[in-house]
Amino acid sequence: MAEDSSNGPVSPGRHRAGGATAGRRRKRPSTRRRAVLYTVWTLAAVLVLGGAGLGYLYYKLNGNLTGVDVNAALGADRPKNVDNGSMDILVLGSDSRAGKNAKYGTDEGTSRSDTAMIVHVYKGHKKASVISIPRDTLIERPSCTTKGGQRTPAVQAAMFNSAYEAGGPACTIKTIESMTGIRMDHFLEVDFSGFKQLIDDLGGVNITTTAPIHDAKSHLDLEPGPHTLDGEQSLGLVRTRHGVGDGSDLGRIKLQQAFVKALLDQVKHVDVFGNPKKLYDLADTSTKALTTDSELASVSKLKGFAESLKGIGSGNMKMTTLPVEYDPQNPARVLPMERKATLIWTALRHDRPVPASATKGSAGDATSAGKVVK
């Protein structure tokens, strides 16, 4: 049995989700066509940038951004571009415990993608599908290159979130593209401390819980009823896995998806134009918290990216989870349901809605954790 570096044994002989056939992707889009992205840790940041007249703040905010040259890292061995008007973005939440994130656990010198979502924006940019990838999913991880230029070997059965540890965002993108046959046009990443500060700058997020959530590990203690969550509580909500459902990552994903919709609804009502300080704080926090692909690593490009997102609200964003089943050899891990996953990737490659049959019977679809928050 193979050994996962920090998360215990994994089962050998597993296959990638959906059969990694080479998918057709679109040619590189112009700045004006960069699609909308509303996700758990980046949505508010992008929206604020999209609507704001940044003016004299441009150079300061531009210097806050961190970019990664994904194209240089991955080379030509990627799914092809196809110009069908859609866009695919990988959104990551980093679980590094370094620096300000040390309070959330011990830093072991590596980072993993604590949250991963594929956002498919349909032609016309009026609706989107969001596919969450459970971090505990066993997948085939391709060979990657580290920051130091060393090659990491391919692994037949690795936890999905170990790809980030093996080779950073580029390795995670390579793994996603291998799983799906879909080329990722962009990626955005936010870390714990940036997310917390962003929510505080917004003034909190309003949610209603239908059941108590108590999780000492994520510092969360909520009774049923309405709440305005500050940054610390919001971070606890999107990180908790012991306070809801069966304690697995699948329950946490459902909470993250519910939180995204609540955040989407609230950001629309934030009056940043009437409060210059709030506008500055949000823009400053957002750009400091974001790591993007190099094509988005400037305020002007993020602004154009965000302006094309305004037609997408929580009501026309379909959220689902990669269809999985529990690993009979290790119930702490999940395995992709390959036929159902193929239905999802095929639909997205052809810019079609995710069919309902793709998630029916999935362990992620069965969890009731998403009903805890509304």
Protein backbone atom coordinates (compact mmCIF):
# COMPACT_ATOMS: atom_id res chain seq x y z
CA MET A 1 0.00 0.00 0.00
CA ALA A 2 1.42 3.40 -0.98
CA GLU A 3 2.02 5.95 1.75
CA ASP A 4 0.74 9.52 1.50
CA SER A 5 3.33 11.85 3.01
CA SER A 6 1.17 13.32 5.74
CA ASN A 7 -2.26 11.82 5.52
CA GLY A 8 -1.71 8.10 5.98
CA PRO A 9 -1.91 5.16 3.59
CA VAL A 10 -3.66 5.30 0.27
CA SER A 11 -4.91 2.45 -1.85
CA PRO A 12 -3.04 1.45 -5.00
CA GLY A 13 -4.46 0.80 -8.42
CA ARG A 14 -6.90 3.69 -8.67
CA HIS A 15 -7.63 5.53 -11.88
CA ARG A 16 -8.08 9.15 -12.80
CA ALA A 17 -11.52 10.69 -12.86
CA GLY A 18 -13.34 10.71 -16.14
CA GLY A 19 -10.63 9.28 -18.37
CA ALA A 20 -8.12 11.96 -19.28
CA THR A 21 -8.81 12.22 -22.96
CA ALA A 22 -7.36 15.26 -24.64
CA GLY A 23 -10.12 17.83 -24.63
CA ARG A 24 -10.55 20.73 -26.97
CA ARG A 25 -10.04 24.15 -25.49
CA ARG A 26 -10.33 27.61 -26.84
CA LYS A 27 -7.69 29.97 -28.07
CA ARG A 28 -6.30 32.50 -25.66
CA PRO A 29 -8.94 35.13 -24.89
CA SER A 30 -8.53 38.89 -24.86
CA THR A 31 -8.72 40.87 -21.63
CA ARG A 32 -12.28 41.98 -22.40
CA ARG A 33 -13.46 38.38 -22.61
CA ARG A 34 -11.96 37.11 -19.37
CA ALA A 35 -14.77 35.39 -17.52
CA VAL A 36 -16.43 35.83 -14.15
CA LEU A 37 -15.29 34.05 -11.06
CA TYR A 38 -17.22 33.88 -7.86
CA THR A 39 -15.67 31.48 -5.39
CA VAL A 40 -15.37 31.03 -1.71
CA TRP A 41 -12.22 33.07 -1.19
CA THR A 42 -11.86 35.26 -4.27
CA LEU A 43 -15.31 36.40 -5.33
CA ALA A 44 -15.57 39.55 -3.26
CA ALA A 45 -12.04 40.60 -4.18
CA VAL A 46 -12.62 40.34 -7.92
CA LEU A 47 -15.98 42.10 -7.80
CA VAL A 48 -14.58 45.05 -5.90
CA LEU A 49 -11.75 45.41 -8.37
CA GLY A 50 -14.18 45.11 -11.27
CA GLY A 51 -16.42 47.94 -10.15
CA ALA A 52 -13.88 50.37 -8.78
CA GLY A 53 -12.15 53.35 -10.34
CA LEU A 54 -8.68 52.50 -8.97
CA GLY A 55 -6.93 55.57 -10.35
CA TYR A 56 -3.90 56.57 -8.30
CA LEU A 57 -4.06 53.30 -6.35
CA TYR A 58 -3.09 51.31 -9.43
CA TYR A 59 0.63 51.03 -8.86
CA LYS A 60 0.37 50.19 -5.17
CA LEU A 61 -2.30 47.56 -5.70
CA ASN A 62 -0.50 46.17 -8.74
CA GLY A 63 2.56 45.59 -6.58
CA ASN A 64 0.48 43.53 -4.13
CA LEU A 65 -0.36 40.83 -6.67
CA THR A 66 1.58 37.59 -7.08
CA GLY A 67 1.62 35.86 -10.47
CA VAL A 68 2.68 32.38 -11.57
CA ASP A 69 3.65 31.70 -15.19
CA VAL A 70 1.61 28.53 -15.68
CA ASN A 71 2.18 28.37 -19.43
CA ALA A 72 5.96 28.31 -18.97
CA ALA A 73 5.72 25.70 -16.22
CA LEU A 74 3.45 23.32 -18.14
CA GLY A 75 4.64 23.81 -21.69
CA ALA A 76 2.76 22.40 -24.66
CA ASP A 77 1.63 19.14 -23.05
CA ARG A 78 -1.87 20.38 -22.24
CA PRO A 79 -5.41 20.00 -23.60
CA LYS A 80 -6.00 22.08 -26.72
CA ASN A 81 -7.66 25.49 -26.77
CA VAL A 82 -11.09 25.80 -28.34
CA ASP A 83 -12.82 29.12 -28.90
CA ASN A 84 -16.44 28.40 -27.91
CA GLY A 85 -16.98 31.48 -25.74
CA SER A 86 -16.72 29.64 -22.41
CA MET A 87 -14.01 29.83 -19.75
CA ASP A 88 -12.60 27.44 -17.15
CA ILE A 89 -10.90 28.69 -13.98
CA LEU A 90 -9.29 26.71 -11.18
CA VAL A 91 -9.78 28.29 -7.75
CA LEU A 92 -7.57 27.19 -4.87
CA GLY A 93 -7.53 27.87 -1.14
CA SER A 94 -4.08 27.33 0.33
CA ASP A 95 -3.65 25.59 3.68
CA SER A 96 -0.10 26.77 4.35
CA ARG A 97 0.52 27.31 8.08
CA ALA A 98 3.43 29.69 7.53
CA GLY A 99 3.44 33.33 8.63
CA LYS A 100 0.04 34.65 9.73
CA ASN A 101 -1.51 31.24 9.09
CA ALA A 102 0.53 29.57 11.86
CA LYS A 103 -2.36 29.83 14.32
CA TYR A 104 -4.33 27.33 12.22
CA GLY A 105 -1.81 24.51 12.64
CA THR A 106 1.82 23.48 12.51
CA ASP A 107 3.83 24.44 9.46
CA GLU A 108 5.51 21.33 8.06
CA GLY A 109 7.27 23.27 5.33
CA THR A 110 4.73 22.49 2.62
CA SER A 111 1.32 23.68 1.46
CA ARG A 112 -1.68 21.79 0.15
CA SER A 113 -4.80 22.96 -1.67
CA ASP A 114 -7.34 22.92 1.13
CA THR A 115 -10.09 23.99 -1.29
CA ALA A 116 -10.27 23.36 -5.04
CA MET A 117 -13.08 24.39 -7.37
CA ILE A 118 -13.35 24.29 -11.15
CA VAL A 119 -15.50 27.20 -12.33
CA HIS A 120 -16.92 26.81 -15.83
CA VAL A 121 -18.41 30.03 -17.20
CA TYR A 122 -20.77 29.38 -20.08
CA LYS A 123 -20.84 31.24 -23.39
CA GLY A 124 -22.41 34.66 -22.84
CA HIS A 125 -21.11 34.79 -19.26
CA LYS A 126 -24.58 34.73 -17.71
CA LYS A 127 -24.32 31.44 -15.83
CA ALA A 128 -21.68 29.11 -14.41
CA SER A 129 -21.13 25.63 -13.04
CA VAL A 130 -18.80 25.08 -10.08
CA ILE A 131 -17.33 21.63 -9.47
CA SER A 132 -15.66 21.09 -6.08
CA ILE A 133 -12.89 18.49 -5.87
CA PRO A 134 -12.64 16.77 -2.47
CA ARG A 135 -9.11 17.04 -1.13
CA ASP A 136 -9.21 13.39 0.00
CA THR A 137 -9.91 12.05 -3.51
CA LEU A 138 -7.42 9.40 -4.68
CA ILE A 139 -6.26 10.24 -8.19
CA GLU A 140 -3.41 9.55 -10.62
CA ARG A 141 -0.99 12.41 -10.09
CA PRO A 142 1.25 13.15 -13.08
CA SER A 143 4.93 13.89 -12.90
CA CYS A 144 5.54 17.54 -12.03
CA THR A 145 8.38 20.02 -11.66
CA THR A 146 9.14 21.68 -8.33
CA LYS A 147 10.11 25.34 -7.89
CA GLY A 148 13.71 24.17 -7.72
CA GLY A 149 13.45 22.48 -11.11
CA GLN A 150 13.38 18.90 -9.88
CA ARG A 151 10.99 16.35 -11.34
CA THR A 152 8.59 14.57 -9.01
CA PRO A 153 7.50 11.08 -10.09
CA ALA A 154 3.99 10.26 -11.18
CA VAL A 155 1.92 8.56 -8.48
CA GLN A 156 -0.82 6.07 -9.24
CA ALA A 157 -2.88 6.69 -6.09
CA ALA A 158 -2.28 10.03 -4.40
CA MET A 159 -4.57 12.37 -2.53
CA PHE A 160 -5.68 15.17 -4.81
CA ASN A 161 -4.39 17.93 -2.56
CA SER A 162 -0.87 16.46 -2.56
CA ALA A 163 -0.42 17.82 -6.11
CA TYR A 164 0.05 21.31 -4.69
CA GLU A 165 2.77 20.02 -2.36
CA ALA A 166 4.46 18.18 -5.22
CA GLY A 167 4.69 21.15 -7.57
CA GLY A 168 2.58 24.12 -6.49
CA PRO A 169 -0.29 25.57 -8.54
CA ALA A 170 1.18 24.35 -11.84
CA CYS A 171 1.14 20.72 -10.67
CA THR A 172 -2.44 21.10 -9.41
CA ILE A 173 -3.49 22.50 -12.79
CA LYS A 174 -1.66 19.69 -14.58
CA THR A 175 -3.45 17.15 -12.38
CA ILE A 176 -6.86 18.74 -13.05
CA GLU A 177 -6.24 18.83 -16.79
CA SER A 178 -5.14 15.18 -16.71
CA MET A 179 -8.31 14.23 -14.82
CA THR A 180 -10.72 16.21 -16.98
CA GLY A 181 -9.22 16.73 -20.44
CA ILE A 182 -10.17 20.41 -19.99
CA ARG A 183 -7.63 23.22 -20.25
CA MET A 184 -7.72 25.66 -17.33
CA ASP A 185 -7.67 29.19 -18.71
CA HIS A 186 -6.85 30.82 -15.39
CA PHE A 187 -6.29 30.09 -11.74
CA LEU A 188 -6.73 32.12 -8.56
CA GLU A 189 -5.58 31.28 -5.05
CA VAL A 190 -6.27 32.84 -1.65
CA ASP A 191 -4.80 31.88 1.72
CA PHE A 192 -6.36 31.69 5.19
CA SER A 193 -5.28 35.06 6.54
CA GLY A 194 -6.25 36.91 3.37
CA PHE A 195 -9.72 35.37 3.38
CA LYS A 196 -10.27 36.27 7.03
CA GLN A 197 -9.25 39.90 6.53
CA LEU A 198 -11.38 40.21 3.40
CA ILE A 199 -14.53 39.17 5.26
CA ASP A 200 -13.73 41.60 8.09
CA ASP A 201 -13.26 44.43 5.55
CA LEU A 202 -16.66 43.57 4.07
CA GLY A 203 -18.26 43.86 7.49
CA GLY A 204 -19.07 40.16 7.83
CA VAL A 205 -21.34 37.75 5.97
CA ASN A 206 -24.95 36.99 6.92
CA ILE A 207 -26.00 33.34 7.11
CA THR A 208 -28.68 31.29 8.86
CA THR A 209 -27.91 27.91 10.41
CA THR A 210 -30.63 25.28 10.71
CA ALA A 211 -28.65 23.11 13.15
CA PRO A 212 -25.90 23.75 15.72
CA ILE A 213 -22.29 23.72 14.50
CA HIS A 214 -19.66 23.11 17.17
CA ASP A 215 -16.07 22.41 16.15
CA ALA A 216 -13.22 23.22 18.51
CA LYS A 217 -10.63 22.51 15.80
CA SER A 218 -11.96 25.25 13.55
CA HIS A 219 -12.92 27.56 16.45
CA LEU A 220 -16.58 27.50 15.47
CA ASP A 221 -19.52 27.59 17.89
CA LEU A 222 -22.88 28.45 16.29
CA GLU A 223 -26.41 27.75 17.47
CA PRO A 224 -29.34 27.49 15.02
CA GLY A 225 -30.52 30.87 13.75
CA PRO A 226 -29.27 33.97 11.91
CA HIS A 227 -25.64 35.05 12.27
CA THR A 228 -23.31 37.71 10.93
CA LEU A 229 -20.00 35.91 10.68
CA ASP A 230 -16.76 37.85 11.05
CA GLY A 231 -13.59 36.74 9.31
CA GLU A 232 -12.54 34.24 11.97
CA GLN A 233 -15.98 32.63 12.07
CA SER A 234 -16.25 32.55 8.27
CA LEU A 235 -12.87 30.85 8.06
CA GLY A 236 -14.04 28.35 10.66
CA LEU A 237 -17.19 27.63 8.65
CA VAL A 238 -15.41 26.90 5.37
CA ARG A 239 -12.78 24.80 7.16
CA THR A 240 -14.95 22.74 9.52
CA ARG A 241 -15.34 19.06 8.81
CA HIS A 242 -16.02 17.74 12.32
CA GLY A 243 -19.00 19.95 13.17
CA VAL A 244 -21.33 18.76 10.38
CA GLY A 245 -22.32 15.58 8.59
CA ASP A 246 -20.08 12.54 8.98
CA GLY A 247 -16.92 14.55 9.63
CA SER A 248 -15.60 14.06 6.09
CA ASP A 249 -14.40 16.60 3.56
CA LEU A 250 -17.67 16.14 1.66
CA GLY A 251 -19.63 17.92 4.38
CA ARG A 252 -17.14 20.76 4.43
CA ILE A 253 -17.51 21.21 0.68
CA LYS A 254 -21.28 21.61 1.03
CA LEU A 255 -20.75 24.32 3.65
CA GLN A 256 -18.26 26.07 1.37
CA GLN A 257 -20.75 26.06 -1.48
CA ALA A 258 -23.51 27.46 0.74
CA PHE A 259 -21.15 30.17 1.98
CA VAL A 260 -20.21 31.17 -1.56
CA LYS A 261 -23.86 31.80 -2.39
CA ALA A 262 -24.36 33.84 0.78
CA LEU A 263 -21.26 35.88 -0.04
CA LEU A 264 -22.46 36.44 -3.61
CA ASP A 265 -25.80 37.78 -2.40
CA GLN A 266 -24.19 40.10 0.12
CA VAL A 267 -21.40 41.58 -2.00
CA LYS A 268 -24.02 43.06 -4.37
CA HIS A 269 -25.26 45.29 -1.54
CA VAL A 270 -21.90 46.59 -0.29
CA ASP A 271 -21.71 50.36 -0.90
CA VAL A 272 -18.02 50.73 -1.71
CA PHE A 273 -18.54 53.88 -3.77
CA GLY A 274 -19.93 55.76 -0.78
CA ASN A 275 -17.08 54.67 1.47
CA PRO A 276 -13.62 55.32 -0.01
CA LYS A 277 -11.84 53.79 2.99
CA LYS A 278 -13.79 50.55 2.65
CA LEU A 279 -13.05 50.52 -1.07
CA TYR A 280 -9.33 50.94 -0.43
CA ASP A 281 -9.25 48.34 2.36
CA LEU A 282 -11.05 45.77 0.22
CA ALA A 283 -8.86 46.38 -2.81
CA ASP A 284 -5.67 46.33 -0.74
CA THR A 285 -6.63 43.14 1.12
CA SER A 286 -7.84 41.44 -2.05
CA THR A 287 -4.71 42.06 -4.08
CA LYS A 288 -2.42 41.06 -1.20
CA ALA A 289 -4.34 37.81 -0.71
CA LEU A 290 -4.46 36.77 -4.37
CA THR A 291 -2.06 34.63 -6.36
CA THR A 292 -3.06 34.31 -10.02
CA ASP A 293 -1.69 33.06 -13.29
CA SER A 294 0.63 35.61 -14.87
CA GLU A 295 -1.99 36.65 -17.44
CA LEU A 296 -4.19 38.01 -14.64
CA ALA A 297 -1.45 39.37 -12.38
CA SER A 298 -2.24 43.05 -12.82
CA VAL A 299 -5.01 45.30 -11.59
CA SER A 300 -6.07 46.28 -15.11
CA LYS A 301 -6.43 42.65 -16.21
CA LEU A 302 -8.30 41.69 -13.03
CA LYS A 303 -10.59 44.65 -13.56
CA GLY A 304 -11.47 43.50 -17.09
CA PHE A 305 -11.81 39.94 -15.82
CA ALA A 306 -14.26 41.03 -13.15
CA GLU A 307 -16.36 43.32 -15.34
CA SER A 308 -17.45 40.33 -17.39
CA LEU A 309 -18.68 38.56 -14.25
CA LYS A 310 -21.46 40.89 -13.28
CA GLY A 311 -24.17 38.91 -15.03
CA ILE A 312 -23.67 35.88 -12.79
CA GLY A 313 -25.41 35.72 -9.43
CA SER A 314 -26.10 32.95 -6.94
CA GLY A 315 -29.35 32.07 -8.73
CA ASN A 316 -27.61 31.15 -11.99
CA MET A 317 -24.60 29.38 -10.53
CA LYS A 318 -24.92 25.60 -10.29
CA MET A 319 -22.70 24.05 -7.63
CA THR A 320 -21.86 20.39 -7.39
CA THR A 321 -19.11 18.05 -6.18
CA LEU A 322 -17.04 15.58 -8.14
CA PRO A 323 -19.02 12.30 -7.90
CA VAL A 324 -17.17 10.02 -5.50
CA GLU A 325 -17.59 6.91 -3.38
CA TYR A 326 -15.81 5.95 -0.18
CA ASP A 327 -12.70 3.80 -0.62
CA PRO A 328 -13.53 0.35 0.81
CA GLN A 329 -9.86 -0.06 1.77
CA ASN A 330 -9.70 3.28 3.59
CA PRO A 331 -12.96 5.08 4.51
CA ALA A 332 -10.99 8.28 5.11
CA ARG A 333 -10.44 8.52 1.34
CA VAL A 334 -12.84 8.76 -1.60
CA LEU A 335 -12.61 7.42 -5.13
CA PRO A 336 -13.92 9.11 -8.29
CA MET A 337 -16.98 7.50 -9.86
CA GLU A 338 -15.38 7.54 -13.28
CA ARG A 339 -18.44 7.10 -15.49
CA LYS A 340 -20.31 9.88 -13.71
CA ALA A 341 -17.24 12.13 -13.70
CA THR A 342 -16.94 11.61 -17.45
CA LEU A 343 -20.50 12.92 -17.85
CA ILE A 344 -19.48 16.14 -16.10
CA TRP A 345 -16.25 16.72 -18.03
CA THR A 346 -17.93 15.91 -21.35
CA ALA A 347 -20.72 18.38 -20.61
CA LEU A 348 -18.29 21.16 -19.70
CA ARG A 349 -16.09 20.52 -22.73
CA HIS A 350 -19.17 21.06 -24.90
CA ASP A 351 -20.37 24.04 -22.83
CA ARG A 352 -23.47 22.20 -21.65
CA PRO A 353 -25.12 22.02 -18.19
CA VAL A 354 -24.02 19.27 -15.82
CA PRO A 355 -26.61 16.47 -16.11
CA ALA A 356 -28.46 15.55 -12.92
CA SER A 357 -27.57 11.90 -13.44
CA ALA A 358 -23.88 12.74 -13.01
CA THR A 359 -24.20 13.25 -9.25
CA LYS A 360 -27.01 10.86 -8.38
CA GLY A 361 -25.72 8.20 -6.00
CA SER A 362 -22.51 10.08 -5.21
CA ALA A 363 -21.36 10.19 -1.58
CA GLY A 364 -21.01 13.95 -1.93
CA ASP A 365 -24.55 14.32 -3.20
CA ALA A 366 -25.89 12.26 -0.30
CA THR A 367 -24.48 14.39 2.53
CA SER A 368 -26.96 16.69 4.25
CA ALA A 369 -24.33 19.15 5.49
CA GLY A 370 -25.27 21.74 2.86
CA LYS A 371 -28.72 22.10 4.42
CA VAL A 372 -27.18 23.32 7.68
CA VAL A 373 -26.51 26.78 6.21
CA LYS A 374 -28.87 28.91 4.14
